[in-house]
């Protein structure tokens, strides 16, 4: 275990401060980086095990807290995937920890210092096989949660998944796979096959991805929240609604929320304009009851 940054309480007061009734300073979340083993597999390829890096952000409180697995997206190039490093979402991780979650952000196989093969490759634009590329990441989520449940501050029996872009697709796949401990999922701008530079608003094989989401809906009954910006240039305004409708029609449970446009491409709204998604996210979390009765 490697400890880094953000350590200790920032509260407390002196006799002088008490005399002037200074309000307590906010609790500063703890941050640490762990390396955990995961088993990874891909259809028609041998299974293997390797270590991945996981950032943990949490309040320094006693007892076990619900977990939140934060799933990053997928860079279009090998160089981009190799450059990815922790922390990926420092401000969002801190916000989510302040709500009461133990936030776990894995640097998945094929990215940054975790390294390894590109097990999430879904194929070329004409022959996308989305489920095949997502399945190994679901395996990693399953093993991450099992490892985290052994930590003294994690309640492995209840947690949620929050994924951005390709990570959102993973989150929906994971609830369909009945990953133990997961009670809900949030899909932020989820999808695959987009190219805002060369094919704005027209991702590869949206029809095939629609069928993939429908297949996940047929297997899942957990609550989900789908958040997309009105000017997401990877998917456009049409396809996310069609994907969600297919998921619901197949039996999936969820709510779709269209977030406002963000700058020139709302695909990045999760990190660039967090206040836009906070209200819908907070209402969703409250509806699950996962943080009910928590104390600092």
C-alpha atoms as a PDB file:
ATOM      1  CA  UNK A   1       0.000   0.000   0.000  1.00  0.00           C
ATOM      2  CA  UNK A   2       1.337   3.392  -0.958  1.00  0.00           C
ATOM      3  CA  UNK A   3       0.004   6.376   0.977  1.00  0.00           C
ATOM      4  CA  UNK A   4      -0.188   9.727  -0.762  1.00  0.00           C
ATOM      5  CA  UNK A   5      -1.507  13.217  -0.037  1.00  0.00           C
ATOM      6  CA  UNK A   6      -4.660  14.310   1.819  1.00  0.00           C
ATOM      7  CA  UNK A   7      -3.970  12.651   5.176  1.00  0.00           C
ATOM      8  CA  UNK A   8      -5.512  13.292   8.564  1.00  0.00           C
ATOM      9  CA  UNK A   9      -8.237  15.398  10.073  1.00  0.00           C
ATOM     10  CA  UNK A  10      -8.409  19.119   9.438  1.00  0.00           C
ATOM     11  CA  UNK A  11     -10.774  19.716  12.363  1.00  0.00           C
ATOM     12  CA  UNK A  12     -10.123  20.614  15.980  1.00  0.00           C
ATOM     13  CA  UNK A  13      -9.828  23.983  17.711  1.00  0.00           C
ATOM     14  CA  UNK A  14      -7.753  25.827  20.281  1.00  0.00           C
ATOM     15  CA  UNK A  15      -8.917  27.724  23.343  1.00  0.00           C
ATOM     16  CA  UNK A  16      -8.464  30.973  21.460  1.00  0.00           C
ATOM     17  CA  UNK A  17     -10.581  29.847  18.538  1.00  0.00           C
ATOM     18  CA  UNK A  18     -13.296  28.570  20.879  1.00  0.00           C
ATOM     19  CA  UNK A  19     -13.484  31.983  22.472  1.00  0.00           C
ATOM     20  CA  UNK A  20     -14.503  33.581  19.182  1.00  0.00           C
ATOM     21  CA  UNK A  21     -16.707  30.655  18.174  1.00  0.00           C
ATOM     22  CA  UNK A  22     -14.835  29.798  14.962  1.00  0.00           C
ATOM     23  CA  UNK A  23     -16.742  27.125  13.013  1.00  0.00           C
ATOM     24  CA  UNK A  24     -14.968  23.773  12.647  1.00  0.00           C
ATOM     25  CA  UNK A  25     -12.857  23.342   9.544  1.00  0.00           C
ATOM     26  CA  UNK A  26     -14.122  20.769   7.041  1.00  0.00           C
ATOM     27  CA  UNK A  27     -12.901  17.208   7.140  1.00  0.00           C
ATOM     28  CA  UNK A  28     -10.244  16.592   4.490  1.00  0.00           C
ATOM     29  CA  UNK A  29     -10.611  13.231   2.721  1.00  0.00           C
ATOM     30  CA  UNK A  30      -7.860  10.664   2.901  1.00  0.00           C
ATOM     31  CA  UNK A  31      -6.292   9.529  -0.348  1.00  0.00           C
ATOM     32  CA  UNK A  32      -4.216   6.411  -0.902  1.00  0.00           C
ATOM     33  CA  UNK A  33      -3.160   4.267  -3.836  1.00  0.00           C
ATOM     34  CA  UNK A  34      -3.382   0.485  -3.676  1.00  0.00           C
ATOM     35  CA  UNK A  35      -2.218  -2.228  -6.024  1.00  0.00           C
ATOM     36  CA  UNK A  36      -4.544  -5.196  -6.262  1.00  0.00           C
ATOM     37  CA  UNK A  37      -4.510  -8.394  -8.331  1.00  0.00           C
ATOM     38  CA  UNK A  38      -7.235  -8.959 -10.897  1.00  0.00           C
ATOM     39  CA  UNK A  39      -8.068 -11.909 -13.076  1.00  0.00           C
ATOM     40  CA  UNK A  40      -8.829 -10.864 -16.606  1.00  0.00           C
ATOM     41  CA  UNK A  41     -10.311 -12.773 -19.495  1.00  0.00           C
ATOM     42  CA  UNK A  42     -11.409 -12.174 -23.016  1.00  0.00           C
ATOM     43  CA  UNK A  43     -13.519 -14.411 -25.182  1.00  0.00           C
ATOM     44  CA  UNK A  44     -11.435 -17.015 -27.027  1.00  0.00           C
ATOM     45  CA  UNK A  45      -8.229 -15.835 -25.304  1.00  0.00           C
ATOM     46  CA  UNK A  46      -6.363 -17.244 -22.255  1.00  0.00           C
ATOM     47  CA  UNK A  47      -7.107 -15.884 -18.788  1.00  0.00           C
ATOM     48  CA  UNK A  48      -4.354 -14.065 -16.918  1.00  0.00           C
ATOM     49  CA  UNK A  49      -3.739 -12.244 -13.660  1.00  0.00           C
ATOM     50  CA  UNK A  50      -1.967  -8.970 -13.085  1.00  0.00           C
ATOM     51  CA  UNK A  51      -1.801  -6.038 -10.674  1.00  0.00           C
ATOM     52  CA  UNK A  52      -3.688  -2.784 -11.257  1.00  0.00           C
ATOM     53  CA  UNK A  53      -3.505   0.561  -9.465  1.00  0.00           C
ATOM     54  CA  UNK A  54      -6.565   1.737  -7.540  1.00  0.00           C
ATOM     55  CA  UNK A  55      -7.031   5.167  -5.982  1.00  0.00           C
ATOM     56  CA  UNK A  56      -9.034   5.226  -2.730  1.00  0.00           C
ATOM     57  CA  UNK A  57     -10.570   8.472  -1.484  1.00  0.00           C
ATOM     58  CA  UNK A  58     -12.593   8.496   1.740  1.00  0.00           C
ATOM     59  CA  UNK A  59     -13.472  10.456   4.823  1.00  0.00           C
ATOM     60  CA  UNK A  60     -11.349   9.598   7.897  1.00  0.00           C
ATOM     61  CA  UNK A  61     -14.333   8.184   9.786  1.00  0.00           C
ATOM     62  CA  UNK A  62     -14.780   5.065  11.875  1.00  0.00           C
ATOM     63  CA  UNK A  63     -16.673   2.057  10.632  1.00  0.00           C
ATOM     64  CA  UNK A  64     -17.399   0.725   7.173  1.00  0.00           C
ATOM     65  CA  UNK A  65     -18.863   2.883   4.414  1.00  0.00           C
ATOM     66  CA  UNK A  66     -20.583   2.020   1.130  1.00  0.00           C
ATOM     67  CA  UNK A  67     -18.243   1.872  -1.845  1.00  0.00           C
ATOM     68  CA  UNK A  68     -18.453   3.756  -5.124  1.00  0.00           C
ATOM     69  CA  UNK A  69     -16.430   2.452  -8.060  1.00  0.00           C
ATOM     70  CA  UNK A  70     -15.561   5.286 -10.441  1.00  0.00           C
ATOM     71  CA  UNK A  71     -14.888   4.005 -13.961  1.00  0.00           C
ATOM     72  CA  UNK A  72     -12.877   6.065 -16.426  1.00  0.00           C
ATOM     73  CA  UNK A  73     -13.351   6.266 -20.174  1.00  0.00           C
ATOM     74  CA  UNK A  74     -11.244   4.935 -23.009  1.00  0.00           C
ATOM     75  CA  UNK A  75      -8.726   6.944 -25.000  1.00  0.00           C
ATOM     76  CA  UNK A  76      -8.860   6.419 -28.768  1.00  0.00           C
ATOM     77  CA  UNK A  77      -5.123   5.725 -29.115  1.00  0.00           C
ATOM     78  CA  UNK A  78      -2.624   3.402 -27.445  1.00  0.00           C
ATOM     79  CA  UNK A  79      -0.515   6.425 -26.513  1.00  0.00           C
ATOM     80  CA  UNK A  80      -3.490   8.064 -24.830  1.00  0.00           C
ATOM     81  CA  UNK A  81      -4.255   4.938 -22.824  1.00  0.00           C
ATOM     82  CA  UNK A  82      -0.619   4.623 -21.767  1.00  0.00           C
ATOM     83  CA  UNK A  83      -0.563   8.246 -20.528  1.00  0.00           C
ATOM     84  CA  UNK A  84      -3.559   7.868 -18.222  1.00  0.00           C
ATOM     85  CA  UNK A  85      -2.596   8.195 -14.569  1.00  0.00           C
ATOM     86  CA  UNK A  86      -4.126   8.604 -11.133  1.00  0.00           C
ATOM     87  CA  UNK A  87      -5.774  10.748  -9.915  1.00  0.00           C
ATOM     88  CA  UNK A  88      -8.196  10.863 -12.833  1.00  0.00           C
ATOM     89  CA  UNK A  89     -11.106  12.731 -11.238  1.00  0.00           C
ATOM     90  CA  UNK A  90      -9.667  14.463  -8.146  1.00  0.00           C
ATOM     91  CA  UNK A  91     -12.470  16.983  -7.619  1.00  0.00           C
ATOM     92  CA  UNK A  92     -15.267  14.488  -8.310  1.00  0.00           C
ATOM     93  CA  UNK A  93     -13.646  11.840  -6.107  1.00  0.00           C
ATOM     94  CA  UNK A  94     -13.449  14.272  -3.246  1.00  0.00           C
ATOM     95  CA  UNK A  95     -17.072  15.357  -3.708  1.00  0.00           C
ATOM     96  CA  UNK A  96     -18.293  11.752  -3.746  1.00  0.00           C
ATOM     97  CA  UNK A  97     -16.215  10.887  -0.663  1.00  0.00           C
ATOM     98  CA  UNK A  98     -17.742  13.846   1.150  1.00  0.00           C
ATOM     99  CA  UNK A  99     -21.184  12.363   0.479  1.00  0.00           C
ATOM    100  CA  UNK A 100     -20.155   9.292   2.486  1.00  0.00           C
ATOM    101  CA  UNK A 101     -18.735   6.851  -0.070  1.00  0.00           C
ATOM    102  CA  UNK A 102     -15.382   5.113  -0.157  1.00  0.00           C
ATOM    103  CA  UNK A 103     -14.452   6.054  -3.718  1.00  0.00           C
ATOM    104  CA  UNK A 104     -12.463   3.434  -5.641  1.00  0.00           C
ATOM    105  CA  UNK A 105     -11.015   4.476  -9.004  1.00  0.00           C
ATOM    106  CA  UNK A 106      -9.257   1.594 -10.763  1.00  0.00           C
ATOM    107  CA  UNK A 107      -6.718   2.206 -13.500  1.00  0.00           C
ATOM    108  CA  UNK A 108      -7.849  -0.773 -15.527  1.00  0.00           C
ATOM    109  CA  UNK A 109      -5.787  -3.320 -17.432  1.00  0.00           C
ATOM    110  CA  UNK A 110      -4.305  -1.708 -20.547  1.00  0.00           C
ATOM    111  CA  UNK A 111      -3.982   1.794 -19.057  1.00  0.00           C
ATOM    112  CA  UNK A 112      -1.098   3.763 -17.549  1.00  0.00           C
ATOM    113  CA  UNK A 113       1.048   2.103 -14.914  1.00  0.00           C
ATOM    114  CA  UNK A 114      -1.382  -0.802 -14.621  1.00  0.00           C
ATOM    115  CA  UNK A 115      -0.249  -1.791 -18.113  1.00  0.00           C
ATOM    116  CA  UNK A 116      -1.094  -5.038 -19.838  1.00  0.00           C
ATOM    117  CA  UNK A 117      -2.835  -5.817 -23.139  1.00  0.00           C
ATOM    118  CA  UNK A 118      -5.733  -3.834 -24.580  1.00  0.00           C
ATOM    119  CA  UNK A 119      -8.422  -6.269 -23.484  1.00  0.00           C
ATOM    120  CA  UNK A 120     -11.174  -3.664 -24.019  1.00  0.00           C
ATOM    121  CA  UNK A 121     -10.738  -3.402 -27.801  1.00  0.00           C
ATOM    122  CA  UNK A 122     -14.166  -3.723 -29.423  1.00  0.00           C
ATOM    123  CA  UNK A 123     -13.155  -3.942 -33.085  1.00  0.00           C
ATOM    124  CA  UNK A 124     -13.199  -1.655 -36.092  1.00  0.00           C
ATOM    125  CA  UNK A 125     -15.963   0.780 -36.909  1.00  0.00           C
ATOM    126  CA  UNK A 126     -17.782  -1.647 -39.206  1.00  0.00           C
ATOM    127  CA  UNK A 127     -17.498  -4.712 -36.961  1.00  0.00           C
ATOM    128  CA  UNK A 128     -17.895  -3.404 -33.413  1.00  0.00           C
ATOM    129  CA  UNK A 129     -18.328  -6.125 -30.769  1.00  0.00           C
ATOM    130  CA  UNK A 130     -19.148  -4.019 -27.730  1.00  0.00           C
ATOM    131  CA  UNK A 131     -19.996  -6.740 -25.227  1.00  0.00           C
ATOM    132  CA  UNK A 132     -16.741  -8.569 -25.955  1.00  0.00           C
ATOM    133  CA  UNK A 133     -14.658  -5.517 -25.052  1.00  0.00           C
ATOM    134  CA  UNK A 134     -16.707  -4.680 -21.959  1.00  0.00           C
ATOM    135  CA  UNK A 135     -16.702  -8.152 -20.390  1.00  0.00           C
ATOM    136  CA  UNK A 136     -13.052  -8.090 -19.198  1.00  0.00           C
ATOM    137  CA  UNK A 137     -13.631  -4.760 -17.453  1.00  0.00           C
ATOM    138  CA  UNK A 138     -16.651  -6.232 -15.660  1.00  0.00           C
ATOM    139  CA  UNK A 139     -14.376  -9.046 -14.427  1.00  0.00           C
ATOM    140  CA  UNK A 140     -12.014  -6.414 -13.014  1.00  0.00           C
ATOM    141  CA  UNK A 141     -14.852  -4.583 -11.255  1.00  0.00           C
ATOM    142  CA  UNK A 142     -15.974  -7.852  -9.672  1.00  0.00           C
ATOM    143  CA  UNK A 143     -12.480  -8.599  -8.362  1.00  0.00           C
ATOM    144  CA  UNK A 144     -11.871  -5.025  -7.239  1.00  0.00           C
ATOM    145  CA  UNK A 145     -15.000  -5.068  -5.070  1.00  0.00           C
ATOM    146  CA  UNK A 146     -14.078  -8.451  -3.597  1.00  0.00           C
ATOM    147  CA  UNK A 147     -10.632  -7.104  -2.650  1.00  0.00           C
ATOM    148  CA  UNK A 148     -12.008  -3.819  -1.311  1.00  0.00           C
ATOM    149  CA  UNK A 149     -14.498  -5.669   0.900  1.00  0.00           C
ATOM    150  CA  UNK A 150     -11.535  -6.930   2.924  1.00  0.00           C
ATOM    151  CA  UNK A 151     -10.510  -3.384   3.838  1.00  0.00           C
ATOM    152  CA  UNK A 152     -11.647  -2.338   7.338  1.00  0.00           C
ATOM    153  CA  UNK A 153     -13.414   0.797   6.100  1.00  0.00           C
ATOM    154  CA  UNK A 154     -15.379  -0.674   3.140  1.00  0.00           C
ATOM    155  CA  UNK A 155     -18.845  -2.203   3.319  1.00  0.00           C
ATOM    156  CA  UNK A 156     -18.599  -4.619   0.414  1.00  0.00           C
ATOM    157  CA  UNK A 157     -22.283  -5.530   0.616  1.00  0.00           C
ATOM    158  CA  UNK A 158     -23.541  -2.197  -0.744  1.00  0.00           C
ATOM    159  CA  UNK A 159     -22.120   0.126  -3.317  1.00  0.00           C
ATOM    160  CA  UNK A 160     -22.759   1.792  -6.642  1.00  0.00           C
ATOM    161  CA  UNK A 161     -20.929   2.136  -9.926  1.00  0.00           C
ATOM    162  CA  UNK A 162     -20.403   5.448 -11.690  1.00  0.00           C
ATOM    163  CA  UNK A 163     -18.854   5.363 -15.145  1.00  0.00           C
ATOM    164  CA  UNK A 164     -17.970   8.019 -17.699  1.00  0.00           C
ATOM    165  CA  UNK A 165     -18.021   7.323 -21.459  1.00  0.00           C
ATOM    166  CA  UNK A 166     -16.766   3.739 -21.971  1.00  0.00           C
ATOM    167  CA  UNK A 167     -16.890   3.474 -18.180  1.00  0.00           C
ATOM    168  CA  UNK A 168     -20.629   4.185 -18.318  1.00  0.00           C
ATOM    169  CA  UNK A 169     -21.079   1.248 -20.679  1.00  0.00           C
ATOM    170  CA  UNK A 170     -19.118  -0.907 -18.219  1.00  0.00           C
ATOM    171  CA  UNK A 171     -21.350   0.229 -15.339  1.00  0.00           C
ATOM    172  CA  UNK A 172     -24.502  -0.852 -17.164  1.00  0.00           C
ATOM    173  CA  UNK A 173     -22.901  -4.164 -18.157  1.00  0.00           C
ATOM    174  CA  UNK A 174     -21.873  -4.796 -14.554  1.00  0.00           C
ATOM    175  CA  UNK A 175     -25.389  -4.436 -13.158  1.00  0.00           C
ATOM    176  CA  UNK A 176     -26.545  -6.880 -15.831  1.00  0.00           C
ATOM    177  CA  UNK A 177     -23.801  -9.274 -14.710  1.00  0.00           C
ATOM    178  CA  UNK A 178     -25.073  -9.169 -11.094  1.00  0.00           C
ATOM    179  CA  UNK A 179     -21.713  -8.183  -9.600  1.00  0.00           C
ATOM    180  CA  UNK A 180     -21.990  -8.885  -5.840  1.00  0.00           C
ATOM    181  CA  UNK A 181     -22.466  -5.815  -3.663  1.00  0.00           C
ATOM    182  CA  UNK A 182     -23.578  -3.515  -6.463  1.00  0.00           C
ATOM    183  CA  UNK A 183     -27.055  -2.080  -5.855  1.00  0.00           C
ATOM    184  CA  UNK A 184     -27.206   0.645  -8.535  1.00  0.00           C
ATOM    185  CA  UNK A 185     -25.301   2.237 -11.406  1.00  0.00           C
ATOM    186  CA  UNK A 186     -24.860   5.668 -12.966  1.00  0.00           C
ATOM    187  CA  UNK A 187     -24.017   5.942 -16.657  1.00  0.00           C
ATOM    188  CA  UNK A 188     -22.524   9.329 -17.575  1.00  0.00           C
ATOM    189  CA  UNK A 189     -22.186   9.829 -21.344  1.00  0.00           C
ATOM    190  CA  UNK A 190     -21.817   6.084 -21.794  1.00  0.00           C
ATOM    191  CA  UNK A 191     -21.031   4.490 -25.139  1.00  0.00           C
ATOM    192  CA  UNK A 192     -18.297   3.447 -27.539  1.00  0.00           C
ATOM    193  CA  UNK A 193     -17.303   4.052 -31.138  1.00  0.00           C
ATOM    194  CA  UNK A 194     -17.557   7.843 -31.121  1.00  0.00           C
ATOM    195  CA  UNK A 195     -15.295  10.295 -32.979  1.00  0.00           C
ATOM    196  CA  UNK A 196     -16.218  13.943 -32.444  1.00  0.00           C
ATOM    197  CA  UNK A 197     -13.518  15.128 -34.859  1.00  0.00           C
ATOM    198  CA  UNK A 198     -14.297  13.039 -37.945  1.00  0.00           C
ATOM    199  CA  UNK A 199     -17.884  11.833 -37.265  1.00  0.00           C
ATOM    200  CA  UNK A 200     -19.516  14.262 -34.836  1.00  0.00           C
ATOM    201  CA  UNK A 201     -22.875  13.000 -33.567  1.00  0.00           C
ATOM    202  CA  UNK A 202     -22.505   9.753 -35.561  1.00  0.00           C
ATOM    203  CA  UNK A 203     -20.796   6.932 -33.621  1.00  0.00           C
ATOM    204  CA  UNK A 204     -19.861   3.582 -35.130  1.00  0.00           C
ATOM    205  CA  UNK A 205     -22.633   0.990 -35.220  1.00  0.00           C
ATOM    206  CA  UNK A 206     -25.171   2.699 -32.925  1.00  0.00           C
ATOM    207  CA  UNK A 207     -27.619  -0.016 -33.951  1.00  0.00           C
ATOM    208  CA  UNK A 208     -25.372  -2.736 -32.599  1.00  0.00           C
ATOM    209  CA  UNK A 209     -24.770  -0.797 -29.387  1.00  0.00           C
ATOM    210  CA  UNK A 210     -28.541  -0.396 -29.037  1.00  0.00           C
ATOM    211  CA  UNK A 211     -28.905  -4.178 -29.169  1.00  0.00           C
ATOM    212  CA  UNK A 212     -26.107  -4.505 -26.614  1.00  0.00           C
ATOM    213  CA  UNK A 213     -27.863  -2.166 -24.181  1.00  0.00           C
ATOM    214  CA  UNK A 214     -31.101  -4.101 -24.752  1.00  0.00           C
ATOM    215  CA  UNK A 215     -29.320  -7.330 -23.847  1.00  0.00           C
ATOM    216  CA  UNK A 216     -28.098  -5.736 -20.628  1.00  0.00           C
ATOM    217  CA  UNK A 217     -31.610  -4.497 -19.862  1.00  0.00           C
ATOM    218  CA  UNK A 218     -32.999  -7.992 -20.215  1.00  0.00           C
ATOM    219  CA  UNK A 219     -30.685  -9.199 -17.441  1.00  0.00           C
ATOM    220  CA  UNK A 220     -30.857  -6.303 -14.974  1.00  0.00           C
ATOM    221  CA  UNK A 221     -33.466  -5.092 -12.502  1.00  0.00           C
ATOM    222  CA  UNK A 222     -31.262  -2.755 -10.451  1.00  0.00           C
ATOM    223  CA  UNK A 223     -31.892   1.008 -10.585  1.00  0.00           C
ATOM    224  CA  UNK A 224     -29.784   2.973 -13.050  1.00  0.00           C
ATOM    225  CA  UNK A 225     -29.359   6.652 -13.886  1.00  0.00           C
ATOM    226  CA  UNK A 226     -28.380   7.764 -17.392  1.00  0.00           C
ATOM    227  CA  UNK A 227     -26.856  11.248 -17.746  1.00  0.00           C
ATOM    228  CA  UNK A 228     -26.042  12.747 -21.162  1.00  0.00           C
ATOM    229  CA  UNK A 229     -25.323  16.322 -22.209  1.00  0.00           C
ATOM    230  CA  UNK A 230     -27.486  17.896 -24.894  1.00  0.00           C
ATOM    231  CA  UNK A 231     -24.409  18.597 -27.038  1.00  0.00           C
ATOM    232  CA  UNK A 232     -22.447  15.362 -26.612  1.00  0.00           C
ATOM    233  CA  UNK A 233     -20.612  15.329 -29.950  1.00  0.00           C
ATOM    234  CA  UNK A 234     -19.543  11.682 -29.703  1.00  0.00           C
ATOM    235  CA  UNK A 235     -23.091  10.307 -29.676  1.00  0.00           C
ATOM    236  CA  UNK A 236     -25.314  13.225 -30.689  1.00  0.00           C
ATOM    237  CA  UNK A 237     -28.760  13.904 -29.173  1.00  0.00           C
ATOM    238  CA  UNK A 238     -30.573  10.981 -30.790  1.00  0.00           C
ATOM    239  CA  UNK A 239     -28.704   7.771 -30.014  1.00  0.00           C
ATOM    240  CA  UNK A 240     -28.433   7.967 -26.198  1.00  0.00           C
ATOM    241  CA  UNK A 241     -32.227   8.186 -25.924  1.00  0.00           C
ATOM    242  CA  UNK A 242     -32.604   5.229 -28.302  1.00  0.00           C
ATOM    243  CA  UNK A 243     -30.090   3.197 -26.292  1.00  0.00           C
ATOM    244  CA  UNK A 244     -31.917   3.968 -23.064  1.00  0.00           C
ATOM    245  CA  UNK A 245     -35.305   3.172 -24.585  1.00  0.00           C
ATOM    246  CA  UNK A 246     -34.014  -0.212 -25.763  1.00  0.00           C
ATOM    247  CA  UNK A 247     -32.615  -0.916 -22.295  1.00  0.00           C
ATOM    248  CA  UNK A 248     -35.974  -0.073 -20.677  1.00  0.00           C
ATOM    249  CA  UNK A 249     -38.046  -1.937 -23.266  1.00  0.00           C
ATOM    250  CA  UNK A 250     -36.049  -5.098 -22.558  1.00  0.00           C
ATOM    251  CA  UNK A 251     -36.833  -4.856 -18.833  1.00  0.00           C
ATOM    252  CA  UNK A 252     -34.080  -2.605 -17.473  1.00  0.00           C
ATOM    253  CA  UNK A 253     -34.860  -0.130 -14.710  1.00  0.00           C
ATOM    254  CA  UNK A 254     -33.655   3.421 -15.101  1.00  0.00           C
ATOM    255  CA  UNK A 255     -34.143   7.134 -15.512  1.00  0.00           C
ATOM    256  CA  UNK A 256     -32.756   9.260 -18.339  1.00  0.00           C
ATOM    257  CA  UNK A 257     -31.712  12.858 -17.619  1.00  0.00           C
ATOM    258  CA  UNK A 258     -30.598  15.225 -20.377  1.00  0.00           C
ATOM    259  CA  UNK A 259     -27.990  17.574 -18.963  1.00  0.00           C
ATOM    260  CA  UNK A 260     -27.453  21.056 -20.426  1.00  0.00           C
ATOM    261  CA  UNK A 261     -24.951  21.711 -23.217  1.00  0.00           C
ATOM    262  CA  UNK A 262     -21.375  22.204 -22.086  1.00  0.00           C
ATOM    263  CA  UNK A 263     -18.941  24.337 -24.094  1.00  0.00           C
ATOM    264  CA  UNK A 264     -18.181  22.857 -27.515  1.00  0.00           C
ATOM    265  CA  UNK A 265     -18.700  19.219 -26.518  1.00  0.00           C
ATOM    266  CA  UNK A 266     -20.812  18.084 -23.590  1.00  0.00           C
ATOM    267  CA  UNK A 267     -19.266  14.629 -23.630  1.00  0.00           C
ATOM    268  CA  UNK A 268     -16.844  15.891 -20.989  1.00  0.00           C
ATOM    269  CA  UNK A 269     -19.461  17.413 -18.683  1.00  0.00           C
ATOM    270  CA  UNK A 270     -18.743  14.979 -15.851  1.00  0.00           C
ATOM    271  CA  UNK A 271     -15.399  16.596 -15.124  1.00  0.00           C
ATOM    272  CA  UNK A 272     -15.852  20.060 -16.631  1.00  0.00           C
ATOM    273  CA  UNK A 273     -19.229  20.991 -15.128  1.00  0.00           C
ATOM    274  CA  UNK A 274     -19.918  18.784 -12.129  1.00  0.00           C
ATOM    275  CA  UNK A 275     -22.603  21.081 -10.751  1.00  0.00           C
ATOM    276  CA  UNK A 276     -24.744  20.185 -13.771  1.00  0.00           C
ATOM    277  CA  UNK A 277     -25.063  16.543 -12.710  1.00  0.00           C
ATOM    278  CA  UNK A 278     -24.976  16.907  -8.920  1.00  0.00           C
ATOM    279  CA  UNK A 279     -28.765  17.441  -8.456  1.00  0.00           C
ATOM    280  CA  UNK A 280     -29.855  14.402 -10.484  1.00  0.00           C
ATOM    281  CA  UNK A 281     -27.116  12.260  -8.967  1.00  0.00           C
ATOM    282  CA  UNK A 282     -27.950  13.263  -5.396  1.00  0.00           C
ATOM    283  CA  UNK A 283     -31.659  12.549  -5.895  1.00  0.00           C
ATOM    284  CA  UNK A 284     -30.817   9.156  -7.356  1.00  0.00           C
ATOM    285  CA  UNK A 285     -28.514   8.240  -4.466  1.00  0.00           C
ATOM    286  CA  UNK A 286     -31.157   9.342  -1.959  1.00  0.00           C
ATOM    287  CA  UNK A 287     -33.737   7.118  -3.696  1.00  0.00           C
ATOM    288  CA  UNK A 288     -31.507   4.057  -3.178  1.00  0.00           C
ATOM    289  CA  UNK A 289     -31.187   4.683   0.574  1.00  0.00           C
ATOM    290  CA  UNK A 290     -27.552   3.606   0.420  1.00  0.00           C
ATOM    291  CA  UNK A 291     -26.347   6.487   2.615  1.00  0.00           C
ATOM    292  CA  UNK A 292     -29.297   6.516   4.992  1.00  0.00           C
ATOM    293  CA  UNK A 293     -28.315   6.985   8.609  1.00  0.00           C
ATOM    294  CA  UNK A 294     -24.651   7.613   7.930  1.00  0.00           C
ATOM    295  CA  UNK A 295     -22.756   9.610  10.526  1.00  0.00           C
ATOM    296  CA  UNK A 296     -19.469  11.458  10.374  1.00  0.00           C
END
